């Protein structure tokens, strides 16, 4: 019993250490300094505010659509394409200002 508890403890510690190493090894997409200019980020947010609000509304519609029993695949495909177009519009503005998409959140 004692041996089994030691093995379980060793495995748990190994898993925790691997998780910690993996988490510390990953870089934030904003660690390269692109998110330090707050004025630039504010310009992107202002310029994409209308598109972002439409995008949020479409995503809510999509979630509601998937929640219904009578699922409409054509409506789902239409919403998916509209959402992708809106995301691409936001991405174009972000690229124009040289800002990563993670900086908006």
PDB file of N, CA and C in Angstrom:
ATOM      1  N   UNK A   1       0.830  -1.195   0.000  1.00  0.00           N
ATOM      2  CA  UNK A   1       0.000   0.000   0.000  1.00  0.00           C
ATOM      3  C   UNK A   1       0.868   1.249   0.000  1.00  0.00           C
ATOM      4  N   UNK A   2       1.931   1.247   0.821  1.00  0.00           N
ATOM      5  CA  UNK A   2       2.815   2.397   0.901  1.00  0.00           C
ATOM      6  C   UNK A   2       3.541   2.615  -0.429  1.00  0.00           C
ATOM      7  N   UNK A   3       3.932   1.492  -1.059  1.00  0.00           N
ATOM      8  CA  UNK A   3       4.636   1.566  -2.335  1.00  0.00           C
ATOM      9  C   UNK A   3       3.721   2.164  -3.411  1.00  0.00           C
ATOM     10  N   UNK A   4       2.464   1.762  -3.398  1.00  0.00           N
ATOM     11  CA  UNK A   4       1.498   2.263  -4.374  1.00  0.00           C
ATOM     12  C   UNK A   4       1.264   3.766  -4.183  1.00  0.00           C
ATOM     13  N   UNK A   5       1.188   4.208  -2.933  1.00  0.00           N
ATOM     14  CA  UNK A   5       0.999   5.633  -2.657  1.00  0.00           C
ATOM     15  C   UNK A   5       2.198   6.440  -3.130  1.00  0.00           C
ATOM     16  N   UNK A   6       3.396   5.884  -2.969  1.00  0.00           N
ATOM     17  CA  UNK A   6       4.609   6.578  -3.422  1.00  0.00           C
ATOM     18  C   UNK A   6       4.625   6.695  -4.944  1.00  0.00           C
ATOM     19  N   UNK A   7       4.200   5.632  -5.618  1.00  0.00           N
ATOM     20  CA  UNK A   7       4.176   5.652  -7.081  1.00  0.00           C
ATOM     21  C   UNK A   7       3.170   6.685  -7.581  1.00  0.00           C
ATOM     22  N   UNK A   8       1.996   6.711  -6.981  1.00  0.00           N
ATOM     23  CA  UNK A   8       0.968   7.679  -7.372  1.00  0.00           C
ATOM     24  C   UNK A   8       1.460   9.100  -7.130  1.00  0.00           C
ATOM     25  N   UNK A   9       2.108   9.331  -5.992  1.00  0.00           N
ATOM     26  CA  UNK A   9       2.645  10.656  -5.674  1.00  0.00           C
ATOM     27  C   UNK A   9       3.720  11.060  -6.673  1.00  0.00           C
ATOM     28  N   UNK A  10       4.610  10.131  -7.016  1.00  0.00           N
ATOM     29  CA  UNK A  10       5.679  10.424  -7.971  1.00  0.00           C
ATOM     30  C   UNK A  10       5.103  10.753  -9.343  1.00  0.00           C
ATOM     31  N   UNK A  11       4.105   9.989  -9.772  1.00  0.00           N
ATOM     32  CA  UNK A  11       3.473  10.267 -11.065  1.00  0.00           C
ATOM     33  C   UNK A  11       2.779  11.627 -11.071  1.00  0.00           C
ATOM     34  N   UNK A  12       2.083  11.936  -9.990  1.00  0.00           N
ATOM     35  CA  UNK A  12       1.392  13.225  -9.902  1.00  0.00           C
ATOM     36  C   UNK A  12       2.382  14.378  -9.939  1.00  0.00           C
ATOM     37  N   UNK A  13       3.482  14.254  -9.214  1.00  0.00           N
ATOM     38  CA  UNK A  13       4.495  15.321  -9.213  1.00  0.00           C
ATOM     39  C   UNK A  13       5.126  15.461 -10.592  1.00  0.00           C
ATOM     40  N   UNK A  14       5.348  14.333 -11.265  1.00  0.00           N
ATOM     41  CA  UNK A  14       5.904  14.381 -12.614  1.00  0.00           C
ATOM     42  C   UNK A  14       4.972  15.082 -13.580  1.00  0.00           C
ATOM     43  N   UNK A  15       3.691  14.779 -13.480  1.00  0.00           N
ATOM     44  CA  UNK A  15       2.713  15.425 -14.360  1.00  0.00           C
ATOM     45  C   UNK A  15       2.620  16.916 -14.078  1.00  0.00           C
ATOM     46  N   UNK A  16       2.659  17.288 -12.814  1.00  0.00           N
ATOM     47  CA  UNK A  16       2.600  18.706 -12.459  1.00  0.00           C
ATOM     48  C   UNK A  16       3.828  19.456 -12.963  1.00  0.00           C
ATOM     49  N   UNK A  17       5.007  18.840 -12.838  1.00  0.00           N
ATOM     50  CA  UNK A  17       6.219  19.529 -13.279  1.00  0.00           C
ATOM     51  C   UNK A  17       6.243  19.679 -14.795  1.00  0.00           C
ATOM     52  N   UNK A  18       5.776  18.667 -15.523  1.00  0.00           N
ATOM     53  CA  UNK A  18       5.713  18.773 -16.986  1.00  0.00           C
ATOM     54  C   UNK A  18       4.740  19.876 -17.383  1.00  0.00           C
ATOM     55  N   UNK A  19       3.614  19.970 -16.696  1.00  0.00           N
ATOM     56  CA  UNK A  19       2.644  21.027 -16.986  1.00  0.00           C
ATOM     57  C   UNK A  19       3.206  22.407 -16.724  1.00  0.00           C
ATOM     58  N   UNK A  20       3.940  22.547 -15.625  1.00  0.00           N
ATOM     59  CA  UNK A  20       4.537  23.842 -15.293  1.00  0.00           C
ATOM     60  C   UNK A  20       5.604  24.226 -16.300  1.00  0.00           C
ATOM     61  N   UNK A  21       6.404  23.261 -16.725  1.00  0.00           N
ATOM     62  CA  UNK A  21       7.450  23.543 -17.713  1.00  0.00           C
ATOM     63  C   UNK A  21       6.822  23.940 -19.042  1.00  0.00           C
ATOM     64  N   UNK A  22       5.780  23.222 -19.439  1.00  0.00           N
ATOM     65  CA  UNK A  22       5.103  23.541 -20.700  1.00  0.00           C
ATOM     66  C   UNK A  22       4.493  24.937 -20.662  1.00  0.00           C
ATOM     67  N   UNK A  23       3.887  25.287 -19.541  1.00  0.00           N
ATOM     68  CA  UNK A  23       3.253  26.601 -19.419  1.00  0.00           C
ATOM     69  C   UNK A  23       4.281  27.715 -19.439  1.00  0.00           C
ATOM     70  N   UNK A  24       5.420  27.502 -18.813  1.00  0.00           N
ATOM     71  CA  UNK A  24       6.432  28.555 -18.777  1.00  0.00           C
ATOM     72  C   UNK A  24       7.183  28.656 -20.092  1.00  0.00           C
ATOM     73  N   UNK A  25       7.222  27.577 -20.862  1.00  0.00           N
ATOM     74  CA  UNK A  25       7.942  27.593 -22.130  1.00  0.00           C
ATOM     75  C   UNK A  25       7.178  28.349 -23.206  1.00  0.00           C
ATOM     76  N   UNK A  26       5.874  28.351 -23.137  1.00  0.00           N
ATOM     77  CA  UNK A  26       5.068  29.022 -24.152  1.00  0.00           C
ATOM     78  C   UNK A  26       5.154  30.529 -24.024  1.00  0.00           C
ATOM     79  N   UNK A  27       5.290  31.189 -25.155  1.00  0.00           N
ATOM     80  CA  UNK A  27       5.346  32.648 -25.164  1.00  0.00           C
ATOM     81  C   UNK A  27       3.968  33.217 -25.404  1.00  0.00           C
ATOM     82  N   UNK A  28       3.684  34.287 -24.727  1.00  0.00           N
ATOM     83  CA  UNK A  28       2.460  35.013 -25.008  1.00  0.00           C
ATOM     84  C   UNK A  28       2.631  35.668 -26.367  1.00  0.00           C
ATOM     85  N   UNK A  29       1.577  35.750 -27.118  1.00  0.00           N
ATOM     86  CA  UNK A  29       1.707  36.368 -28.437  1.00  0.00           C
ATOM     87  C   UNK A  29       2.015  37.854 -28.309  1.00  0.00           C
ATOM     88  N   UNK A  30       1.845  38.403 -27.124  1.00  0.00           N
ATOM     89  CA  UNK A  30       2.110  39.820 -26.910  1.00  0.00           C
ATOM     90  C   UNK A  30       3.436  40.057 -26.198  1.00  0.00           C
ATOM     91  N   UNK A  31       4.229  39.022 -26.029  1.00  0.00           N
ATOM     92  CA  UNK A  31       5.500  39.200 -25.337  1.00  0.00           C
ATOM     93  C   UNK A  31       6.549  39.844 -26.236  1.00  0.00           C
ATOM     94  N   UNK A  32       6.248  39.980 -27.515  1.00  0.00           N
ATOM     95  CA  UNK A  32       7.208  40.581 -28.433  1.00  0.00           C
ATOM     96  C   UNK A  32       7.110  42.103 -28.479  1.00  0.00           C
ATOM     97  N   UNK A  33       6.287  42.692 -27.645  1.00  0.00           N
ATOM     98  CA  UNK A  33       6.219  44.144 -27.529  1.00  0.00           C
ATOM     99  C   UNK A  33       5.184  44.816 -28.408  1.00  0.00           C
ATOM    100  N   UNK A  34       4.437  44.057 -29.190  1.00  0.00           N
ATOM    101  CA  UNK A  34       3.456  44.665 -30.090  1.00  0.00           C
ATOM    102  C   UNK A  34       2.264  45.255 -29.349  1.00  0.00           C
ATOM    103  N   UNK A  35       2.054  44.845 -28.112  1.00  0.00           N
ATOM    104  CA  UNK A  35       0.890  45.324 -27.364  1.00  0.00           C
ATOM    105  C   UNK A  35       1.244  46.432 -26.382  1.00  0.00           C
ATOM    106  N   UNK A  36       2.439  46.950 -26.463  1.00  0.00           N
ATOM    107  CA  UNK A  36       2.842  47.963 -25.495  1.00  0.00           C
ATOM    108  C   UNK A  36       2.321  49.346 -25.841  1.00  0.00           C
ATOM    109  N   UNK A  37       2.037  49.597 -27.096  1.00  0.00           N
ATOM    110  CA  UNK A  37       1.542  50.907 -27.516  1.00  0.00           C
ATOM    111  C   UNK A  37       0.022  50.946 -27.349  1.00  0.00           C
ATOM    112  N   UNK A  38      -0.422  51.444 -26.221  1.00  0.00           N
ATOM    113  CA  UNK A  38      -1.853  51.460 -25.889  1.00  0.00           C
ATOM    114  C   UNK A  38      -2.659  52.351 -26.835  1.00  0.00           C
ATOM    115  N   UNK A  39      -2.058  53.436 -27.319  1.00  0.00           N
ATOM    116  CA  UNK A  39      -2.777  54.321 -28.245  1.00  0.00           C
ATOM    117  C   UNK A  39      -3.072  53.599 -29.559  1.00  0.00           C
ATOM    118  N   UNK A  40      -2.108  52.818 -30.003  1.00  0.00           N
ATOM    119  CA  UNK A  40      -2.285  52.065 -31.237  1.00  0.00           C
ATOM    120  C   UNK A  40      -3.388  51.020 -31.078  1.00  0.00           C
ATOM    121  N   UNK A  41      -3.384  50.346 -29.947  1.00  0.00           N
ATOM    122  CA  UNK A  41      -4.417  49.351 -29.672  1.00  0.00           C
ATOM    123  C   UNK A  41      -5.783  50.023 -29.583  1.00  0.00           C
ATOM    124  N   UNK A  42      -5.828  51.196 -28.962  1.00  0.00           N
ATOM    125  CA  UNK A  42      -7.089  51.936 -28.846  1.00  0.00           C
ATOM    126  C   UNK A  42      -7.622  52.324 -30.224  1.00  0.00           C
ATOM    127  N   UNK A  43      -6.735  52.704 -31.143  1.00  0.00           N
ATOM    128  CA  UNK A  43      -7.161  53.033 -32.505  1.00  0.00           C
ATOM    129  C   UNK A  43      -7.785  51.816 -33.188  1.00  0.00           C
ATOM    130  N   UNK A  44      -7.148  50.656 -33.004  1.00  0.00           N
ATOM    131  CA  UNK A  44      -7.673  49.430 -33.603  1.00  0.00           C
ATOM    132  C   UNK A  44      -9.049  49.117 -33.028  1.00  0.00           C
ATOM    133  N   UNK A  45      -9.182  49.235 -31.713  1.00  0.00           N
ATOM    134  CA  UNK A  45     -10.461  48.949 -31.058  1.00  0.00           C
ATOM    135  C   UNK A  45     -11.542  49.904 -31.555  1.00  0.00           C
ATOM    136  N   UNK A  46     -11.199  51.189 -31.679  1.00  0.00           N
ATOM    137  CA  UNK A  46     -12.176  52.169 -32.154  1.00  0.00           C
ATOM    138  C   UNK A  46     -12.583  51.891 -33.599  1.00  0.00           C
ATOM    139  N   UNK A  47     -11.602  51.549 -34.424  1.00  0.00           N
ATOM    140  CA  UNK A  47     -11.891  51.339 -35.837  1.00  0.00           C
ATOM    141  C   UNK A  47     -12.679  50.048 -36.087  1.00  0.00           C
ATOM    142  N   UNK A  48     -12.532  49.079 -35.196  1.00  0.00           N
ATOM    143  CA  UNK A  48     -13.215  47.800 -35.390  1.00  0.00           C
ATOM    144  C   UNK A  48     -14.421  47.620 -34.472  1.00  0.00           C
ATOM    145  N   UNK A  49     -14.795  48.644 -33.734  1.00  0.00           N
ATOM    146  CA  UNK A  49     -15.882  48.516 -32.751  1.00  0.00           C
ATOM    147  C   UNK A  49     -17.198  48.084 -33.393  1.00  0.00           C
ATOM    148  N   UNK A  50     -17.565  48.716 -34.484  1.00  0.00           N
ATOM    149  CA  UNK A  50     -18.823  48.369 -35.150  1.00  0.00           C
ATOM    150  C   UNK A  50     -18.811  46.946 -35.674  1.00  0.00           C
ATOM    151  N   UNK A  51     -17.725  46.571 -36.328  1.00  0.00           N
ATOM    152  CA  UNK A  51     -17.602  45.217 -36.858  1.00  0.00           C
ATOM    153  C   UNK A  51     -17.592  44.195 -35.733  1.00  0.00           C
ATOM    154  N   UNK A  52     -16.907  44.530 -34.639  1.00  0.00           N
ATOM    155  CA  UNK A  52     -16.832  43.602 -33.505  1.00  0.00           C
ATOM    156  C   UNK A  52     -18.200  43.385 -32.865  1.00  0.00           C
ATOM    157  N   UNK A  53     -19.002  44.436 -32.786  1.00  0.00           N
ATOM    158  CA  UNK A  53     -20.334  44.262 -32.189  1.00  0.00           C
ATOM    159  C   UNK A  53     -21.237  43.428 -33.093  1.00  0.00           C
ATOM    160  N   UNK A  54     -21.122  43.618 -34.405  1.00  0.00           N
ATOM    161  CA  UNK A  54     -21.887  42.784 -35.340  1.00  0.00           C
ATOM    162  C   UNK A  54     -21.427  41.332 -35.231  1.00  0.00           C
ATOM    163  N   UNK A  55     -20.114  41.141 -35.114  1.00  0.00           N
ATOM    164  CA  UNK A  55     -19.555  39.798 -34.967  1.00  0.00           C
ATOM    165  C   UNK A  55     -20.099  39.111 -33.718  1.00  0.00           C
ATOM    166  N   UNK A  56     -20.135  39.837 -32.614  1.00  0.00           N
ATOM    167  CA  UNK A  56     -20.664  39.258 -31.371  1.00  0.00           C
ATOM    168  C   UNK A  56     -22.128  38.866 -31.529  1.00  0.00           C
ATOM    169  N   UNK A  57     -22.902  39.710 -32.206  1.00  0.00           N
ATOM    170  CA  UNK A  57     -24.317  39.399 -32.423  1.00  0.00           C
ATOM    171  C   UNK A  57     -24.473  38.146 -33.287  1.00  0.00           C
ATOM    172  N   UNK A  58     -23.647  38.023 -34.315  1.00  0.00           N
ATOM    173  CA  UNK A  58     -23.706  36.840 -35.187  1.00  0.00           C
ATOM    174  C   UNK A  58     -23.315  35.580 -34.419  1.00  0.00           C
ATOM    175  N   UNK A  59     -22.297  35.698 -33.543  1.00  0.00           N
ATOM    176  CA  UNK A  59     -21.880  34.540 -32.751  1.00  0.00           C
ATOM    177  C   UNK A  59     -22.975  34.115 -31.771  1.00  0.00           C
ATOM    178  N   UNK A  60     -23.707  35.089 -31.236  1.00  0.00           N
ATOM    179  CA  UNK A  60     -24.835  34.760 -30.356  1.00  0.00           C
ATOM    180  C   UNK A  60     -25.927  34.053 -31.156  1.00  0.00           C
ATOM    181  N   UNK A  61     -26.211  34.556 -32.356  1.00  0.00           N
ATOM    182  CA  UNK A  61     -27.199  33.896 -33.222  1.00  0.00           C
ATOM    183  C   UNK A  61     -26.784  32.456 -33.515  1.00  0.00           C
ATOM    184  N   UNK A  62     -25.486  32.283 -33.745  1.00  0.00           N
ATOM    185  CA  UNK A  62     -24.975  30.953 -34.049  1.00  0.00           C
ATOM    186  C   UNK A  62     -25.157  30.006 -32.859  1.00  0.00           C
ATOM    187  N   UNK A  63     -24.839  30.487 -31.663  1.00  0.00           N
ATOM    188  CA  UNK A  63     -25.018  29.660 -30.465  1.00  0.00           C
ATOM    189  C   UNK A  63     -26.485  29.294 -30.263  1.00  0.00           C
ATOM    190  N   UNK A  64     -27.363  30.259 -30.499  1.00  0.00           N
ATOM    191  CA  UNK A  64     -28.797  29.993 -30.364  1.00  0.00           C
ATOM    192  C   UNK A  64     -29.259  28.973 -31.401  1.00  0.00           C
ATOM    193  N   UNK A  65     -28.719  29.084 -32.602  1.00  0.00           N
ATOM    194  CA  UNK A  65     -29.091  28.159 -33.670  1.00  0.00           C
ATOM    195  C   UNK A  65     -28.702  26.728 -33.305  1.00  0.00           C
ATOM    196  N   UNK A  66     -27.512  26.562 -32.754  1.00  0.00           N
ATOM    197  CA  UNK A  66     -27.070  25.224 -32.361  1.00  0.00           C
ATOM    198  C   UNK A  66     -27.848  24.706 -31.157  1.00  0.00           C
ATOM    199  N   UNK A  67     -28.486  25.583 -30.414  1.00  0.00           N
ATOM    200  CA  UNK A  67     -29.255  25.170 -29.248  1.00  0.00           C
ATOM    201  C   UNK A  67     -30.654  24.680 -29.576  1.00  0.00           C
ATOM    202  N   UNK A  68     -31.137  24.965 -30.776  1.00  0.00           N
ATOM    203  CA  UNK A  68     -32.489  24.553 -31.155  1.00  0.00           C
ATOM    204  C   UNK A  68     -32.525  23.085 -31.555  1.00  0.00           C
ATOM    205  N   UNK A  69     -33.698  22.479 -31.361  1.00  0.00           N
ATOM    206  CA  UNK A  69     -33.879  21.085 -31.775  1.00  0.00           C
ATOM    207  C   UNK A  69     -33.942  20.977 -33.294  1.00  0.00           C
ATOM    208  N   UNK A  70     -34.614  21.917 -33.931  1.00  0.00           N
ATOM    209  CA  UNK A  70     -34.731  21.917 -35.381  1.00  0.00           C
ATOM    210  C   UNK A  70     -33.562  22.657 -35.999  1.00  0.00           C
ATOM    211  N   UNK A  71     -32.427  22.013 -36.113  1.00  0.00           N
ATOM    212  CA  UNK A  71     -31.204  22.634 -36.616  1.00  0.00           C
ATOM    213  C   UNK A  71     -31.296  22.865 -38.118  1.00  0.00           C
ATOM    214  N   UNK A  72     -30.930  24.079 -38.562  1.00  0.00           N
ATOM    215  CA  UNK A  72     -30.965  24.442 -39.972  1.00  0.00           C
ATOM    216  C   UNK A  72     -29.524  24.549 -40.484  1.00  0.00           C
ATOM    217  N   UNK A  73     -29.033  23.535 -41.205  1.00  0.00           N
ATOM    218  CA  UNK A  73     -27.645  23.556 -41.661  1.00  0.00           C
ATOM    219  C   UNK A  73     -27.340  24.693 -42.638  1.00  0.00           C
ATOM    220  N   UNK A  74     -28.318  25.088 -43.439  1.00  0.00           N
ATOM    221  CA  UNK A  74     -28.093  26.191 -44.378  1.00  0.00           C
ATOM    222  C   UNK A  74     -27.892  27.504 -43.632  1.00  0.00           C
ATOM    223  N   UNK A  75     -28.719  27.739 -42.628  1.00  0.00           N
ATOM    224  CA  UNK A  75     -28.590  28.952 -41.810  1.00  0.00           C
ATOM    225  C   UNK A  75     -27.258  28.941 -41.061  1.00  0.00           C
ATOM    226  N   UNK A  76     -26.858  27.760 -40.578  1.00  0.00           N
ATOM    227  CA  UNK A  76     -25.584  27.635 -39.866  1.00  0.00           C
ATOM    228  C   UNK A  76     -24.415  27.958 -40.793  1.00  0.00           C
ATOM    229  N   UNK A  77     -24.451  27.448 -42.011  1.00  0.00           N
ATOM    230  CA  UNK A  77     -23.384  27.711 -42.978  1.00  0.00           C
ATOM    231  C   UNK A  77     -23.336  29.191 -43.346  1.00  0.00           C
ATOM    232  N   UNK A  78     -24.507  29.793 -43.488  1.00  0.00           N
ATOM    233  CA  UNK A  78     -24.580  31.225 -43.799  1.00  0.00           C
ATOM    234  C   UNK A  78     -23.966  32.057 -42.667  1.00  0.00           C
ATOM    235  N   UNK A  79     -24.324  31.717 -41.429  1.00  0.00           N
ATOM    236  CA  UNK A  79     -23.762  32.436 -40.281  1.00  0.00           C
ATOM    237  C   UNK A  79     -22.258  32.235 -40.189  1.00  0.00           C
ATOM    238  N   UNK A  80     -21.799  31.006 -40.438  1.00  0.00           N
ATOM    239  CA  UNK A  80     -20.361  30.718 -40.399  1.00  0.00           C
ATOM    240  C   UNK A  80     -19.606  31.597 -41.395  1.00  0.00           C
ATOM    241  N   UNK A  81     -20.133  31.721 -42.605  1.00  0.00           N
ATOM    242  CA  UNK A  81     -19.448  32.532 -43.615  1.00  0.00           C
ATOM    243  C   UNK A  81     -19.489  34.014 -43.257  1.00  0.00           C
ATOM    244  N   UNK A  82     -20.610  34.487 -42.713  1.00  0.00           N
ATOM    245  CA  UNK A  82     -20.702  35.888 -42.290  1.00  0.00           C
ATOM    246  C   UNK A  82     -19.720  36.178 -41.155  1.00  0.00           C
ATOM    247  N   UNK A  83     -19.614  35.249 -40.217  1.00  0.00           N
ATOM    248  CA  UNK A  83     -18.680  35.414 -39.102  1.00  0.00           C
ATOM    249  C   UNK A  83     -17.249  35.458 -39.616  1.00  0.00           C
ATOM    250  N   UNK A  84     -16.919  34.592 -40.569  1.00  0.00           N
ATOM    251  CA  UNK A  84     -15.562  34.576 -41.120  1.00  0.00           C
ATOM    252  C   UNK A  84     -15.242  35.880 -41.843  1.00  0.00           C
ATOM    253  N   UNK A  85     -16.200  36.424 -42.582  1.00  0.00           N
ATOM    254  CA  UNK A  85     -15.996  37.706 -43.271  1.00  0.00           C
ATOM    255  C   UNK A  85     -15.728  38.813 -42.256  1.00  0.00           C
ATOM    256  N   UNK A  86     -16.497  38.839 -41.173  1.00  0.00           N
ATOM    257  CA  UNK A  86     -16.309  39.865 -40.138  1.00  0.00           C
ATOM    258  C   UNK A  86     -14.953  39.719 -39.459  1.00  0.00           C
ATOM    259  N   UNK A  87     -14.550  38.484 -39.173  1.00  0.00           N
ATOM    260  CA  UNK A  87     -13.237  38.254 -38.560  1.00  0.00           C
ATOM    261  C   UNK A  87     -12.118  38.704 -39.492  1.00  0.00           C
ATOM    262  N   UNK A  88     -12.285  38.451 -40.778  1.00  0.00           N
ATOM    263  CA  UNK A  88     -11.277  38.879 -41.749  1.00  0.00           C
ATOM    264  C   UNK A  88     -11.184  40.400 -41.822  1.00  0.00           C
ATOM    265  N   UNK A  89     -12.327  41.092 -41.727  1.00  0.00           N
ATOM    266  CA  UNK A  89     -12.316  42.561 -41.732  1.00  0.00           C
ATOM    267  C   UNK A  89     -11.540  43.093 -40.532  1.00  0.00           C
ATOM    268  N   UNK A  90     -11.770  42.486 -39.371  1.00  0.00           N
ATOM    269  CA  UNK A  90     -11.057  42.911 -38.166  1.00  0.00           C
ATOM    270  C   UNK A  90      -9.567  42.622 -38.313  1.00  0.00           C
ATOM    271  N   UNK A  91      -9.240  41.472 -38.888  1.00  0.00           N
ATOM    272  CA  UNK A  91      -7.832  41.100 -39.075  1.00  0.00           C
ATOM    273  C   UNK A  91      -7.118  42.083 -40.002  1.00  0.00           C
ATOM    274  N   UNK A  92      -7.806  42.555 -41.036  1.00  0.00           N
ATOM    275  CA  UNK A  92      -7.213  43.525 -41.965  1.00  0.00           C
ATOM    276  C   UNK A  92      -6.843  44.810 -41.224  1.00  0.00           C
ATOM    277  N   UNK A  93      -7.731  45.278 -40.357  1.00  0.00           N
ATOM    278  CA  UNK A  93      -7.453  46.495 -39.584  1.00  0.00           C
ATOM    279  C   UNK A  93      -6.283  46.254 -38.634  1.00  0.00           C
ATOM    280  N   UNK A  94      -6.254  45.096 -37.993  1.00  0.00           N
ATOM    281  CA  UNK A  94      -5.150  44.782 -37.080  1.00  0.00           C
ATOM    282  C   UNK A  94      -3.823  44.747 -37.822  1.00  0.00           C
ATOM    283  N   UNK A  95      -3.819  44.164 -39.012  1.00  0.00           N
ATOM    284  CA  UNK A  95      -2.598  44.117 -39.815  1.00  0.00           C
ATOM    285  C   UNK A  95      -2.191  45.513 -40.274  1.00  0.00           C
ATOM    286  N   UNK A  96      -3.170  46.348 -40.577  1.00  0.00           N
ATOM    287  CA  UNK A  96      -2.901  47.729 -41.000  1.00  0.00           C
ATOM    288  C   UNK A  96      -2.125  48.482 -39.925  1.00  0.00           C
ATOM    289  N   UNK A  97      -2.496  48.247 -38.661  1.00  0.00           N
ATOM    290  CA  UNK A  97      -1.829  48.915 -37.550  1.00  0.00           C
ATOM    291  C   UNK A  97      -0.670  48.096 -36.988  1.00  0.00           C
ATOM    292  N   UNK A  98      -0.463  46.879 -37.487  1.00  0.00           N
ATOM    293  CA  UNK A  98       0.623  46.033 -37.008  1.00  0.00           C
ATOM    294  C   UNK A  98       0.406  45.508 -35.603  1.00  0.00           C
ATOM    295  N   UNK A  99      -0.839  45.196 -35.273  1.00  0.00           N
ATOM    296  CA  UNK A  99      -1.195  44.731 -33.934  1.00  0.00           C
ATOM    297  C   UNK A  99      -1.664  43.285 -34.020  1.00  0.00           C
ATOM    298  N   UNK A 100      -1.226  42.457 -33.069  1.00  0.00           N
ATOM    299  CA  UNK A 100      -1.682  41.066 -33.011  1.00  0.00           C
ATOM    300  C   UNK A 100      -3.118  41.011 -32.509  1.00  0.00           C
ATOM    301  N   UNK A 101      -3.837  39.988 -32.924  1.00  0.00           N
ATOM    302  CA  UNK A 101      -5.232  39.864 -32.496  1.00  0.00           C
ATOM    303  C   UNK A 101      -5.347  39.631 -30.995  1.00  0.00           C
ATOM    304  N   UNK A 102      -4.316  39.078 -30.369  1.00  0.00           N
ATOM    305  CA  UNK A 102      -4.388  38.841 -28.920  1.00  0.00           C
ATOM    306  C   UNK A 102      -4.317  40.145 -28.135  1.00  0.00           C
ATOM    307  N   UNK A 103      -3.869  41.211 -28.749  1.00  0.00           N
ATOM    308  CA  UNK A 103      -3.746  42.496 -28.052  1.00  0.00           C
ATOM    309  C   UNK A 103      -5.104  43.134 -27.776  1.00  0.00           C
ATOM    310  N   UNK A 104      -6.125  42.731 -28.517  1.00  0.00           N
ATOM    311  CA  UNK A 104      -7.448  43.341 -28.345  1.00  0.00           C
ATOM    312  C   UNK A 104      -8.129  42.871 -27.080  1.00  0.00           C
ATOM    313  N   UNK A 105      -7.788  41.702 -26.605  1.00  0.00           N
ATOM    314  CA  UNK A 105      -8.481  41.169 -25.431  1.00  0.00           C
ATOM    315  C   UNK A 105      -7.905  41.687 -24.141  1.00  0.00           C
TER     316      UNK A 105
END
